[in-house]
Amino acid sequence: VGAPDKQARKQIFQIHCKGKPLADDVDFDRLADITERYSGADLANLCQEAARKVAAEVLEKGADRKITMDDFIELIKKYKPSITLQMIEDYEKFRLDFERRVRKGEEENEYFEEKISLDDIGGYEQIKTELKELLELQLFHYKLLEKLKIPPIRGILLYGPPGVGKTMMAKALAKTLKVKLISLSGAEIMYKGYEGAIAAIKEVFNRARENKPSI
């Protein structure tokens, strides 16, 4: 169970503020925005502290008033989230590691699942030949590279407009060379946010190490 997301934080605020005297300027959407990494207990505590703060002022000054947005902001500045960035990274690492172990068992016999090979791609003969030869050398003849003191390549960049076959080429190379294809899209990285993106990228390299040689 991870930290509550924005929608969950909004609902937690609404639940714990139910029945409390709130001013019209209290904005639950904004409160959810500015309380990232706050746990459910943290948010409940903020609501209780806001109520106590107002109650103390009412007793002291004898003038009735409601809980305002400024009350919440003051408390948010005072009380930091109990969930640290390191805790989130550790959680993501544990979650991804668990999913990887489950997936590894399911995929044990699915290494060559891609259905398309280089022979199925029309055209691009020079590109297909160069990529195949380059990857064969890097993946299966690395000792020869070491002997000749040739540094290994760190990556291959395929670039071009959408729909020209970049992803298909990678799948076909994996099928032809009989290696595992491990993919991660830019959209997946963006969707996970900063902490999740770091964990997702680390996970890709962990899977690659476990399934080497791989693309």
N, C-alpha and C. Protein backbone atom coordinates (compact mmCIF):
# COMPACT_ATOMS: atom_id res chain seq x y z
N VAL A 1 0.86 -1.18 0.00
CA VAL A 1 0.00 0.00 0.00
C VAL A 1 0.89 1.23 0.00
N GLY A 2 0.79 2.04 -1.04
CA GLY A 2 1.64 3.21 -1.16
C GLY A 2 1.03 4.45 -0.54
N ALA A 3 1.73 5.56 -0.69
CA ALA A 3 1.23 6.84 -0.18
C ALA A 3 -0.03 7.24 -0.95
N PRO A 4 -0.98 7.92 -0.30
CA PRO A 4 -2.21 8.32 -0.99
C PRO A 4 -1.93 9.30 -2.13
N ASP A 5 -2.60 9.10 -3.26
CA ASP A 5 -2.44 10.03 -4.37
C ASP A 5 -3.31 11.26 -4.13
N LYS A 6 -3.33 12.17 -5.10
CA LYS A 6 -4.03 13.44 -4.92
C LYS A 6 -5.52 13.23 -4.61
N GLN A 7 -6.17 12.36 -5.38
CA GLN A 7 -7.60 12.13 -5.17
C GLN A 7 -7.86 11.53 -3.79
N ALA A 8 -7.00 10.61 -3.38
CA ALA A 8 -7.16 10.00 -2.06
C ALA A 8 -6.95 11.03 -0.95
N ARG A 9 -5.96 11.91 -1.14
CA ARG A 9 -5.71 12.95 -0.12
C ARG A 9 -6.91 13.88 0.01
N LYS A 10 -7.52 14.23 -1.11
CA LYS A 10 -8.70 15.09 -1.08
C LYS A 10 -9.83 14.41 -0.29
N GLN A 11 -10.05 13.14 -0.55
CA GLN A 11 -11.11 12.42 0.14
C GLN A 11 -10.82 12.28 1.63
N ILE A 12 -9.54 12.09 1.98
CA ILE A 12 -9.17 11.98 3.39
C ILE A 12 -9.44 13.30 4.11
N PHE A 13 -9.09 14.41 3.47
CA PHE A 13 -9.40 15.72 4.05
C PHE A 13 -10.91 15.88 4.26
N GLN A 14 -11.68 15.51 3.25
CA GLN A 14 -13.13 15.67 3.34
C GLN A 14 -13.72 14.83 4.47
N ILE A 15 -13.20 13.62 4.63
CA ILE A 15 -13.70 12.72 5.68
C ILE A 15 -13.40 13.29 7.07
N HIS A 16 -12.16 13.74 7.26
CA HIS A 16 -11.75 14.19 8.60
C HIS A 16 -12.20 15.62 8.91
N CYS A 17 -12.66 16.33 7.90
CA CYS A 17 -13.20 17.68 8.15
C CYS A 17 -14.72 17.67 8.27
N LYS A 18 -15.32 16.52 8.05
CA LYS A 18 -16.77 16.43 8.11
C LYS A 18 -17.27 16.81 9.51
N GLY A 19 -18.21 17.73 9.56
CA GLY A 19 -18.77 18.16 10.83
C GLY A 19 -18.00 19.29 11.49
N LYS A 20 -16.83 19.63 10.96
CA LYS A 20 -16.04 20.72 11.53
C LYS A 20 -16.47 22.05 10.89
N PRO A 21 -16.39 23.14 11.63
CA PRO A 21 -16.79 24.46 11.09
C PRO A 21 -15.75 25.00 10.12
N LEU A 22 -16.00 24.86 8.83
CA LEU A 22 -15.04 25.29 7.82
C LEU A 22 -15.47 26.60 7.17
N ALA A 23 -14.50 27.47 6.93
CA ALA A 23 -14.78 28.71 6.21
C ALA A 23 -14.95 28.40 4.72
N ASP A 24 -15.54 29.33 4.00
CA ASP A 24 -15.81 29.10 2.58
C ASP A 24 -14.54 29.02 1.74
N ASP A 25 -13.42 29.54 2.25
CA ASP A 25 -12.20 29.55 1.44
C ASP A 25 -11.40 28.25 1.51
N VAL A 26 -11.86 27.28 2.30
CA VAL A 26 -11.14 26.00 2.38
C VAL A 26 -11.30 25.24 1.07
N ASP A 27 -10.17 24.99 0.41
CA ASP A 27 -10.16 24.36 -0.92
C ASP A 27 -9.49 22.99 -0.80
N PHE A 28 -10.30 21.94 -0.86
CA PHE A 28 -9.76 20.59 -0.70
C PHE A 28 -8.84 20.19 -1.85
N ASP A 29 -9.11 20.67 -3.05
CA ASP A 29 -8.24 20.36 -4.19
C ASP A 29 -6.84 20.94 -3.97
N ARG A 30 -6.79 22.17 -3.51
CA ARG A 30 -5.49 22.79 -3.27
C ARG A 30 -4.77 22.11 -2.11
N LEU A 31 -5.51 21.76 -1.07
CA LEU A 31 -4.90 21.05 0.06
C LEU A 31 -4.30 19.73 -0.40
N ALA A 32 -5.00 19.04 -1.29
CA ALA A 32 -4.48 17.77 -1.82
C ALA A 32 -3.22 18.01 -2.65
N ASP A 33 -3.19 19.13 -3.37
CA ASP A 33 -2.04 19.46 -4.21
C ASP A 33 -0.77 19.70 -3.39
N ILE A 34 -0.91 20.34 -2.25
CA ILE A 34 0.27 20.77 -1.48
C ILE A 34 0.64 19.81 -0.36
N THR A 35 0.03 18.63 -0.35
CA THR A 35 0.34 17.66 0.72
C THR A 35 0.86 16.34 0.14
N GLU A 36 1.61 16.42 -0.94
CA GLU A 36 2.21 15.21 -1.50
C GLU A 36 3.16 14.59 -0.47
N ARG A 37 3.14 13.27 -0.37
CA ARG A 37 3.95 12.47 0.57
C ARG A 37 3.41 12.50 2.00
N TYR A 38 2.28 13.16 2.24
CA TYR A 38 1.63 13.08 3.55
C TYR A 38 0.83 11.79 3.61
N SER A 39 0.95 11.07 4.70
CA SER A 39 0.19 9.84 4.87
C SER A 39 -1.23 10.17 5.31
N GLY A 40 -2.09 9.15 5.33
CA GLY A 40 -3.45 9.36 5.80
C GLY A 40 -3.47 9.84 7.24
N ALA A 41 -2.57 9.29 8.06
CA ALA A 41 -2.47 9.71 9.47
C ALA A 41 -2.01 11.16 9.56
N ASP A 42 -1.07 11.55 8.69
CA ASP A 42 -0.61 12.95 8.67
C ASP A 42 -1.77 13.90 8.39
N LEU A 43 -2.58 13.55 7.40
CA LEU A 43 -3.69 14.41 6.99
C LEU A 43 -4.75 14.48 8.09
N ALA A 44 -5.02 13.35 8.71
CA ALA A 44 -5.98 13.34 9.82
C ALA A 44 -5.49 14.23 10.95
N ASN A 45 -4.19 14.18 11.21
CA ASN A 45 -3.60 15.01 12.26
C ASN A 45 -3.71 16.50 11.93
N LEU A 46 -3.51 16.85 10.64
CA LEU A 46 -3.65 18.25 10.24
C LEU A 46 -5.06 18.77 10.52
N CYS A 47 -6.05 17.93 10.21
CA CYS A 47 -7.45 18.34 10.44
C CYS A 47 -7.73 18.52 11.93
N GLN A 48 -7.21 17.61 12.75
CA GLN A 48 -7.43 17.72 14.19
C GLN A 48 -6.70 18.93 14.77
N GLU A 49 -5.48 19.16 14.30
CA GLU A 49 -4.71 20.30 14.80
C GLU A 49 -5.36 21.62 14.39
N ALA A 50 -5.93 21.67 13.19
CA ALA A 50 -6.62 22.88 12.75
C ALA A 50 -7.82 23.17 13.66
N ALA A 51 -8.56 22.12 14.00
CA ALA A 51 -9.72 22.29 14.89
C ALA A 51 -9.28 22.73 16.28
N ARG A 52 -8.19 22.14 16.80
CA ARG A 52 -7.69 22.51 18.12
C ARG A 52 -7.20 23.97 18.13
N LYS A 53 -6.53 24.35 17.06
CA LYS A 53 -6.02 25.72 16.95
C LYS A 53 -7.15 26.74 17.03
N VAL A 54 -8.21 26.49 16.27
CA VAL A 54 -9.34 27.41 16.26
C VAL A 54 -10.06 27.40 17.61
N ALA A 55 -10.21 26.21 18.20
CA ALA A 55 -10.88 26.11 19.50
C ALA A 55 -10.13 26.89 20.57
N ALA A 56 -8.79 26.80 20.54
CA ALA A 56 -7.97 27.53 21.52
C ALA A 56 -8.14 29.03 21.36
N GLU A 57 -8.20 29.50 20.11
CA GLU A 57 -8.36 30.94 19.87
C GLU A 57 -9.74 31.42 20.30
N VAL A 58 -10.75 30.59 20.07
CA VAL A 58 -12.11 30.96 20.48
C VAL A 58 -12.19 31.11 21.99
N LEU A 59 -11.56 30.17 22.72
CA LEU A 59 -11.57 30.24 24.18
C LEU A 59 -10.79 31.45 24.69
N GLU A 60 -9.69 31.76 24.00
CA GLU A 60 -8.84 32.86 24.45
C GLU A 60 -9.47 34.22 24.17
N LYS A 61 -10.05 34.38 22.96
CA LYS A 61 -10.56 35.68 22.55
C LYS A 61 -12.06 35.83 22.73
N GLY A 62 -12.74 34.72 22.91
CA GLY A 62 -14.18 34.78 23.12
C GLY A 62 -14.96 35.11 21.87
N ALA A 63 -14.31 35.06 20.72
CA ALA A 63 -14.99 35.36 19.45
C ALA A 63 -15.03 34.10 18.60
N ASP A 64 -16.22 33.77 18.14
CA ASP A 64 -16.39 32.55 17.35
C ASP A 64 -15.82 32.74 15.95
N ARG A 65 -15.16 31.71 15.43
CA ARG A 65 -14.69 31.75 14.04
C ARG A 65 -14.55 30.33 13.50
N LYS A 66 -14.39 30.22 12.20
CA LYS A 66 -14.30 28.91 11.55
C LYS A 66 -12.85 28.61 11.14
N ILE A 67 -12.62 27.36 10.76
CA ILE A 67 -11.30 26.94 10.27
C ILE A 67 -11.12 27.48 8.86
N THR A 68 -10.03 28.18 8.62
CA THR A 68 -9.79 28.79 7.31
C THR A 68 -8.67 28.07 6.57
N MET A 69 -8.52 28.44 5.31
CA MET A 69 -7.44 27.87 4.49
C MET A 69 -6.09 28.26 5.07
N ASP A 70 -5.98 29.47 5.60
CA ASP A 70 -4.71 29.91 6.20
C ASP A 70 -4.32 29.05 7.39
N ASP A 71 -5.31 28.57 8.14
CA ASP A 71 -5.02 27.69 9.27
C ASP A 71 -4.34 26.41 8.78
N PHE A 72 -4.89 25.84 7.71
CA PHE A 72 -4.30 24.61 7.17
C PHE A 72 -2.89 24.86 6.63
N ILE A 73 -2.72 25.95 5.89
CA ILE A 73 -1.42 26.24 5.29
C ILE A 73 -0.36 26.46 6.38
N GLU A 74 -0.74 27.14 7.44
CA GLU A 74 0.19 27.36 8.55
C GLU A 74 0.63 26.03 9.16
N LEU A 75 -0.31 25.11 9.32
CA LEU A 75 0.02 23.81 9.91
C LEU A 75 0.83 22.94 8.95
N ILE A 76 0.54 23.05 7.65
CA ILE A 76 1.29 22.27 6.66
C ILE A 76 2.75 22.71 6.64
N LYS A 77 2.98 24.01 6.81
CA LYS A 77 4.36 24.52 6.89
C LYS A 77 5.06 24.03 8.16
N LYS A 78 4.27 23.83 9.21
CA LYS A 78 4.83 23.42 10.50
C LYS A 78 5.10 21.92 10.56
N TYR A 79 4.16 21.13 10.03
CA TYR A 79 4.27 19.67 10.11
C TYR A 79 4.68 19.10 8.75
N LYS A 80 5.86 18.55 8.67
CA LYS A 80 6.36 17.97 7.43
C LYS A 80 5.80 16.56 7.23
N PRO A 81 5.76 16.08 5.98
CA PRO A 81 5.23 14.73 5.73
C PRO A 81 6.10 13.66 6.38
N SER A 82 5.46 12.61 6.85
CA SER A 82 6.20 11.52 7.50
C SER A 82 6.79 10.55 6.47
N ILE A 83 6.32 10.63 5.23
CA ILE A 83 6.82 9.75 4.17
C ILE A 83 7.95 10.46 3.43
N THR A 84 9.15 9.93 3.51
CA THR A 84 10.30 10.55 2.86
C THR A 84 10.45 10.04 1.43
N LEU A 85 11.26 10.75 0.64
CA LEU A 85 11.54 10.31 -0.73
C LEU A 85 12.22 8.95 -0.73
N GLN A 86 13.09 8.72 0.25
CA GLN A 86 13.77 7.43 0.33
C GLN A 86 12.79 6.30 0.60
N MET A 87 11.80 6.57 1.45
CA MET A 87 10.78 5.56 1.74
C MET A 87 9.98 5.21 0.49
N ILE A 88 9.65 6.23 -0.31
CA ILE A 88 8.90 5.99 -1.55
C ILE A 88 9.74 5.17 -2.52
N GLU A 89 11.03 5.52 -2.62
CA GLU A 89 11.92 4.78 -3.53
C GLU A 89 12.06 3.33 -3.08
N ASP A 90 12.19 3.12 -1.75
CA ASP A 90 12.30 1.76 -1.23
C ASP A 90 11.03 0.97 -1.48
N TYR A 91 9.88 1.64 -1.32
CA TYR A 91 8.59 0.98 -1.58
C TYR A 91 8.47 0.57 -3.04
N GLU A 92 8.82 1.51 -3.95
CA GLU A 92 8.74 1.21 -5.38
C GLU A 92 9.68 0.07 -5.75
N LYS A 93 10.87 0.08 -5.14
CA LYS A 93 11.84 -0.98 -5.41
C LYS A 93 11.29 -2.33 -4.96
N PHE A 94 10.69 -2.36 -3.77
CA PHE A 94 10.11 -3.61 -3.26
C PHE A 94 8.97 -4.07 -4.15
N ARG A 95 8.08 -3.12 -4.52
CA ARG A 95 6.91 -3.48 -5.34
C ARG A 95 7.34 -4.02 -6.70
N LEU A 96 8.28 -3.32 -7.33
CA LEU A 96 8.72 -3.74 -8.65
C LEU A 96 9.49 -5.06 -8.59
N ASP A 97 10.26 -5.25 -7.52
CA ASP A 97 10.99 -6.50 -7.36
C ASP A 97 10.02 -7.66 -7.19
N PHE A 98 8.97 -7.44 -6.41
CA PHE A 98 7.96 -8.48 -6.22
C PHE A 98 7.26 -8.80 -7.53
N GLU A 99 6.86 -7.74 -8.27
CA GLU A 99 6.19 -7.96 -9.55
C GLU A 99 7.12 -8.66 -10.54
N ARG A 100 8.41 -8.30 -10.48
CA ARG A 100 9.36 -8.92 -11.40
C ARG A 100 9.49 -10.42 -11.12
N ARG A 101 9.52 -10.78 -9.84
CA ARG A 101 9.65 -12.20 -9.49
C ARG A 101 8.42 -12.99 -9.94
N VAL A 102 7.25 -12.37 -9.77
CA VAL A 102 6.02 -13.03 -10.23
C VAL A 102 6.03 -13.16 -11.74
N ARG A 103 6.40 -12.05 -12.39
CA ARG A 103 6.41 -12.02 -13.86
C ARG A 103 7.46 -12.97 -14.42
N LYS A 104 8.58 -13.10 -13.71
CA LYS A 104 9.64 -13.97 -14.19
C LYS A 104 9.16 -15.41 -14.27
N GLY A 105 8.37 -15.82 -13.26
CA GLY A 105 7.83 -17.16 -13.29
C GLY A 105 6.85 -17.36 -14.43
N GLU A 106 6.07 -16.32 -14.71
CA GLU A 106 5.08 -16.41 -15.78
C GLU A 106 5.72 -16.38 -17.16
N GLU A 107 6.86 -15.67 -17.23
CA GLU A 107 7.48 -15.47 -18.54
C GLU A 107 8.65 -16.41 -18.81
N GLU A 108 8.85 -17.37 -17.92
CA GLU A 108 10.04 -18.21 -18.02
C GLU A 108 10.19 -18.86 -19.38
N ASN A 109 9.07 -19.22 -19.98
CA ASN A 109 9.11 -19.89 -21.27
C ASN A 109 8.63 -19.00 -22.41
N GLU A 110 8.70 -17.66 -22.19
CA GLU A 110 8.19 -16.74 -23.20
C GLU A 110 9.26 -15.81 -23.72
N TYR A 111 10.51 -16.24 -23.72
CA TYR A 111 11.60 -15.37 -24.13
C TYR A 111 11.51 -14.98 -25.59
N PHE A 112 10.99 -15.84 -26.41
CA PHE A 112 10.99 -15.58 -27.84
C PHE A 112 9.56 -15.36 -28.33
N GLU A 113 8.81 -14.59 -27.55
CA GLU A 113 7.40 -14.43 -27.81
C GLU A 113 7.10 -13.51 -28.99
N GLU A 114 8.07 -12.66 -29.39
CA GLU A 114 7.82 -11.78 -30.52
C GLU A 114 7.57 -12.60 -31.78
N LYS A 115 6.54 -12.23 -32.54
CA LYS A 115 6.13 -13.03 -33.69
C LYS A 115 6.76 -12.55 -34.99
N ILE A 116 7.37 -11.38 -34.97
CA ILE A 116 7.91 -10.83 -36.20
C ILE A 116 9.44 -10.87 -36.17
N SER A 117 10.04 -11.28 -37.29
CA SER A 117 11.49 -11.32 -37.40
C SER A 117 11.93 -10.30 -38.44
N LEU A 118 13.24 -10.16 -38.60
CA LEU A 118 13.75 -9.20 -39.58
C LEU A 118 13.30 -9.55 -41.00
N ASP A 119 13.11 -10.84 -41.26
CA ASP A 119 12.68 -11.26 -42.60
C ASP A 119 11.27 -10.77 -42.92
N ASP A 120 10.50 -10.45 -41.88
CA ASP A 120 9.12 -10.01 -42.09
C ASP A 120 9.02 -8.50 -42.34
N ILE A 121 10.13 -7.79 -42.21
CA ILE A 121 10.13 -6.35 -42.42
C ILE A 121 10.61 -6.04 -43.83
N GLY A 122 9.77 -5.36 -44.58
CA GLY A 122 10.14 -5.03 -45.95
C GLY A 122 11.06 -3.82 -46.01
N GLY A 123 12.06 -3.88 -46.90
CA GLY A 123 12.98 -2.76 -47.04
C GLY A 123 13.97 -2.66 -45.89
N TYR A 124 14.60 -1.51 -45.79
CA TYR A 124 15.57 -1.23 -44.72
C TYR A 124 16.69 -2.27 -44.65
N GLU A 125 17.09 -2.80 -45.79
CA GLU A 125 18.06 -3.90 -45.80
C GLU A 125 19.38 -3.51 -45.14
N GLN A 126 19.89 -2.33 -45.46
CA GLN A 126 21.18 -1.91 -44.89
C GLN A 126 21.07 -1.73 -43.38
N ILE A 127 19.96 -1.11 -42.94
CA ILE A 127 19.76 -0.88 -41.50
C ILE A 127 19.64 -2.22 -40.77
N LYS A 128 18.87 -3.14 -41.33
CA LYS A 128 18.68 -4.45 -40.69
C LYS A 128 20.01 -5.19 -40.57
N THR A 129 20.79 -5.16 -41.63
CA THR A 129 22.08 -5.86 -41.62
C THR A 129 23.03 -5.26 -40.60
N GLU A 130 23.11 -3.94 -40.59
CA GLU A 130 24.03 -3.26 -39.66
C GLU A 130 23.64 -3.51 -38.21
N LEU A 131 22.35 -3.41 -37.92
CA LEU A 131 21.89 -3.62 -36.55
C LEU A 131 22.12 -5.07 -36.11
N LYS A 132 21.80 -6.01 -36.97
CA LYS A 132 21.97 -7.43 -36.63
C LYS A 132 23.43 -7.75 -36.35
N GLU A 133 24.31 -7.30 -37.23
CA GLU A 133 25.74 -7.58 -37.06
C GLU A 133 26.28 -6.91 -35.80
N LEU A 134 25.86 -5.68 -35.56
CA LEU A 134 26.34 -4.94 -34.40
C LEU A 134 25.89 -5.61 -33.10
N LEU A 135 24.63 -6.01 -33.03
CA LEU A 135 24.11 -6.63 -31.82
C LEU A 135 24.68 -8.03 -31.61
N GLU A 136 24.84 -8.77 -32.67
CA GLU A 136 25.45 -10.10 -32.55
C GLU A 136 26.84 -10.00 -31.94
N LEU A 137 27.59 -9.02 -32.41
CA LEU A 137 28.95 -8.82 -31.91
C LEU A 137 28.93 -8.44 -30.43
N GLN A 138 28.03 -7.53 -30.06
CA GLN A 138 27.98 -7.05 -28.68
C GLN A 138 27.44 -8.11 -27.72
N LEU A 139 26.43 -8.86 -28.15
CA LEU A 139 25.75 -9.80 -27.26
C LEU A 139 26.43 -11.15 -27.15
N PHE A 140 27.02 -11.62 -28.24
CA PHE A 140 27.51 -13.00 -28.26
C PHE A 140 29.03 -13.13 -28.46
N HIS A 141 29.69 -12.04 -28.80
CA HIS A 141 31.13 -12.11 -29.05
C HIS A 141 31.87 -11.04 -28.26
N TYR A 142 31.40 -10.79 -27.04
CA TYR A 142 32.01 -9.72 -26.24
C TYR A 142 33.45 -10.05 -25.83
N LYS A 143 33.78 -11.36 -25.73
CA LYS A 143 35.16 -11.72 -25.38
C LYS A 143 36.13 -11.34 -26.49
N LEU A 144 35.65 -11.43 -27.73
CA LEU A 144 36.48 -11.00 -28.85
C LEU A 144 36.72 -9.50 -28.78
N LEU A 145 35.69 -8.75 -28.40
CA LEU A 145 35.84 -7.30 -28.26
C LEU A 145 36.86 -6.97 -27.17
N GLU A 146 36.79 -7.73 -26.06
CA GLU A 146 37.74 -7.51 -24.97
C GLU A 146 39.17 -7.80 -25.43
N LYS A 147 39.31 -8.89 -26.19
CA LYS A 147 40.64 -9.28 -26.67
C LYS A 147 41.22 -8.21 -27.58
N LEU A 148 40.37 -7.63 -28.41
CA LEU A 148 40.82 -6.60 -29.35
C LEU A 148 40.81 -5.21 -28.72
N LYS A 149 40.43 -5.17 -27.42
CA LYS A 149 40.37 -3.90 -26.68
C LYS A 149 39.45 -2.88 -27.35
N ILE A 150 38.30 -3.39 -27.81
CA ILE A 150 37.28 -2.53 -28.40
C ILE A 150 36.22 -2.26 -27.34
N PRO A 151 36.03 -1.02 -26.93
CA PRO A 151 35.03 -0.74 -25.88
C PRO A 151 33.62 -1.06 -26.37
N PRO A 152 32.79 -1.64 -25.51
CA PRO A 152 31.42 -1.97 -25.93
C PRO A 152 30.58 -0.72 -26.11
N ILE A 153 29.60 -0.80 -26.98
CA ILE A 153 28.68 0.32 -27.15
C ILE A 153 27.72 0.34 -25.97
N ARG A 154 27.24 1.51 -25.61
CA ARG A 154 26.35 1.65 -24.46
C ARG A 154 24.89 1.76 -24.86
N GLY A 155 24.62 1.82 -26.14
CA GLY A 155 23.23 1.90 -26.57
C GLY A 155 23.14 2.20 -28.06
N ILE A 156 21.97 1.99 -28.61
CA ILE A 156 21.69 2.29 -30.01
C ILE A 156 20.44 3.16 -30.05
N LEU A 157 20.51 4.26 -30.75
CA LEU A 157 19.37 5.16 -30.86
C LEU A 157 18.76 5.05 -32.25
N LEU A 158 17.50 4.62 -32.31
CA LEU A 158 16.75 4.61 -33.56
C LEU A 158 15.84 5.84 -33.54
N TYR A 159 15.99 6.71 -34.50
CA TYR A 159 15.17 7.91 -34.50
C TYR A 159 14.46 8.07 -35.85
N GLY A 160 13.32 8.73 -35.81
CA GLY A 160 12.53 8.93 -37.01
C GLY A 160 11.11 9.27 -36.63
N PRO A 161 10.29 9.67 -37.59
CA PRO A 161 8.90 10.02 -37.30
C PRO A 161 8.09 8.81 -36.83
N PRO A 162 6.95 9.05 -36.17
CA PRO A 162 6.11 7.95 -35.69
C PRO A 162 5.64 7.06 -36.85
N GLY A 163 5.58 5.76 -36.58
CA GLY A 163 5.00 4.84 -37.55
C GLY A 163 5.94 4.28 -38.60
N VAL A 164 7.24 4.59 -38.51
CA VAL A 164 8.16 4.10 -39.55
C VAL A 164 8.75 2.73 -39.21
N GLY A 165 8.49 2.22 -38.00
CA GLY A 165 8.92 0.87 -37.68
C GLY A 165 10.06 0.75 -36.68
N LYS A 166 10.30 1.78 -35.87
CA LYS A 166 11.41 1.72 -34.90
C LYS A 166 11.17 0.63 -33.86
N THR A 167 9.97 0.62 -33.29
CA THR A 167 9.65 -0.40 -32.28
C THR A 167 9.60 -1.78 -32.91
N MET A 168 9.03 -1.87 -34.10
CA MET A 168 8.95 -3.15 -34.80
C MET A 168 10.35 -3.70 -35.08
N MET A 169 11.28 -2.81 -35.41
CA MET A 169 12.65 -3.23 -35.68
C MET A 169 13.28 -3.84 -34.43
N ALA A 170 13.04 -3.22 -33.27
CA ALA A 170 13.59 -3.75 -32.02
C ALA A 170 13.00 -5.12 -31.71
N LYS A 171 11.70 -5.28 -31.91
CA LYS A 171 11.05 -6.57 -31.66
C LYS A 171 11.59 -7.64 -32.62
N ALA A 172 11.76 -7.25 -33.87
CA ALA A 172 12.26 -8.21 -34.87
C ALA A 172 13.69 -8.63 -34.56
N LEU A 173 14.51 -7.71 -34.09
CA LEU A 173 15.89 -8.04 -33.73
C LEU A 173 15.91 -9.03 -32.57
N ALA A 174 15.05 -8.80 -31.58
CA ALA A 174 14.99 -9.72 -30.44
C ALA A 174 14.58 -11.12 -30.88
N LYS A 175 13.60 -11.19 -31.78
CA LYS A 175 13.14 -12.49 -32.28
C LYS A 175 14.23 -13.18 -33.09
N THR A 176 14.86 -12.44 -33.97
CA THR A 176 15.89 -13.01 -34.83
C THR A 176 17.10 -13.50 -34.04
N LEU A 177 17.49 -12.72 -33.03
CA LEU A 177 18.67 -13.07 -32.23
C LEU A 177 18.33 -13.98 -31.05
N LYS A 178 17.02 -14.24 -30.86
CA LYS A 178 16.55 -15.11 -29.78
C LYS A 178 16.99 -14.61 -28.40
N VAL A 179 16.72 -13.33 -28.17
CA VAL A 179 17.00 -12.74 -26.87
C VAL A 179 15.74 -12.05 -26.36
N LYS A 180 15.74 -11.74 -25.09
CA LYS A 180 14.59 -11.10 -24.46
C LYS A 180 14.55 -9.62 -24.81
N LEU A 181 13.37 -9.12 -25.16
CA LEU A 181 13.18 -7.69 -25.39
C LEU A 181 12.51 -7.10 -24.15
N ILE A 182 13.16 -6.12 -23.55
CA ILE A 182 12.62 -5.44 -22.36
C ILE A 182 12.37 -3.99 -22.74
N SER A 183 11.13 -3.56 -22.61
CA SER A 183 10.78 -2.22 -23.09
C SER A 183 10.23 -1.34 -21.98
N LEU A 184 10.41 -0.05 -22.15
CA LEU A 184 9.85 0.96 -21.23
C LEU A 184 9.59 2.21 -22.06
N SER A 185 8.34 2.62 -22.12
CA SER A 185 7.99 3.78 -22.95
C SER A 185 8.13 5.08 -22.17
N GLY A 186 8.28 6.16 -22.90
CA GLY A 186 8.35 7.48 -22.27
C GLY A 186 7.08 7.80 -21.51
N ALA A 187 5.94 7.34 -22.04
CA ALA A 187 4.66 7.60 -21.38
C ALA A 187 4.60 6.92 -20.02
N GLU A 188 5.15 5.70 -19.92
CA GLU A 188 5.17 5.00 -18.64
C GLU A 188 5.99 5.76 -17.61
N ILE A 189 7.13 6.31 -18.05
CA ILE A 189 7.99 7.07 -17.14
C ILE A 189 7.29 8.33 -16.66
N MET A 190 6.67 9.07 -17.58
CA MET A 190 5.99 10.31 -17.23
C MET A 190 4.82 10.04 -16.29
N TYR A 191 4.10 8.95 -16.51
CA TYR A 191 2.92 8.65 -15.70
C TYR A 191 3.28 8.36 -14.25
N LYS A 192 4.45 7.78 -14.01
CA LYS A 192 4.81 7.35 -12.66
C LYS A 192 5.30 8.48 -11.78
N GLY A 193 5.58 9.66 -12.35
CA GLY A 193 6.10 10.75 -11.54
C GLY A 193 7.58 10.57 -11.26
N TYR A 194 8.17 11.53 -10.55
CA TYR A 194 9.63 11.54 -10.37
C TYR A 194 10.13 10.29 -9.65
N GLU A 195 9.57 10.01 -8.46
CA GLU A 195 10.06 8.88 -7.67
C GLU A 195 9.79 7.56 -8.38
N GLY A 196 8.58 7.43 -8.93
CA GLY A 196 8.23 6.19 -9.62
C GLY A 196 9.06 5.97 -10.86
N ALA A 197 9.42 7.06 -11.55
CA ALA A 197 10.23 6.94 -12.77
C ALA A 197 11.62 6.39 -12.46
N ILE A 198 12.21 6.87 -11.37
CA ILE A 198 13.53 6.38 -10.97
C ILE A 198 13.48 4.88 -10.70
N ALA A 199 12.46 4.46 -9.97
CA ALA A 199 12.32 3.04 -9.65
C ALA A 199 12.06 2.21 -10.90
N ALA A 200 11.24 2.75 -11.83
CA ALA A 200 10.92 2.02 -13.05
C ALA A 200 12.15 1.82 -13.93
N ILE A 201 12.99 2.85 -14.03
CA ILE A 201 14.21 2.75 -14.84
C ILE A 201 15.17 1.74 -14.21
N LYS A 202 15.31 1.79 -12.89
CA LYS A 202 16.16 0.81 -12.21
C LYS A 202 15.64 -0.61 -12.44
N GLU A 203 14.32 -0.75 -12.43
CA GLU A 203 13.71 -2.05 -12.63
C GLU A 203 14.03 -2.62 -14.01
N VAL A 204 14.03 -1.76 -15.03
CA VAL A 204 14.35 -2.21 -16.38
C VAL A 204 15.76 -2.80 -16.43
N PHE A 205 16.71 -2.12 -15.80
CA PHE A 205 18.08 -2.61 -15.81
C PHE A 205 18.22 -3.88 -14.97
N ASN A 206 17.45 -3.98 -13.88
CA ASN A 206 17.47 -5.22 -13.09
C ASN A 206 16.97 -6.40 -13.92
N ARG A 207 15.89 -6.19 -14.66
CA ARG A 207 15.35 -7.25 -15.51
C ARG A 207 16.34 -7.63 -16.60
N ALA A 208 17.03 -6.62 -17.14
CA ALA A 208 18.01 -6.89 -18.19
C ALA A 208 19.15 -7.75 -17.65
N ARG A 209 19.60 -7.45 -16.43
CA ARG A 209 20.68 -8.24 -15.83
C ARG A 209 20.23 -9.68 -15.59
N GLU A 210 18.99 -9.85 -15.16
CA GLU A 210 18.49 -11.19 -14.87
C GLU A 210 18.28 -12.01 -16.14
N ASN A 211 18.03 -11.33 -17.27
CA ASN A 211 17.70 -12.02 -18.51
C ASN A 211 18.76 -11.85 -19.59
N LYS A 212 19.99 -11.54 -19.20
CA LYS A 212 21.01 -11.31 -20.21
C LYS A 212 21.36 -12.61 -20.96
N PRO A 213 21.70 -12.51 -22.26
CA PRO A 213 21.72 -11.27 -23.04
C PRO A 213 20.31 -10.83 -23.43
N SER A 214 20.08 -9.55 -23.45
CA SER A 214 18.76 -9.03 -23.78
C SER A 214 18.90 -7.68 -24.47
N ILE A 215 17.80 -7.25 -25.08
CA ILE A 215 17.75 -5.94 -25.72
C ILE A 215 16.79 -5.08 -24.91
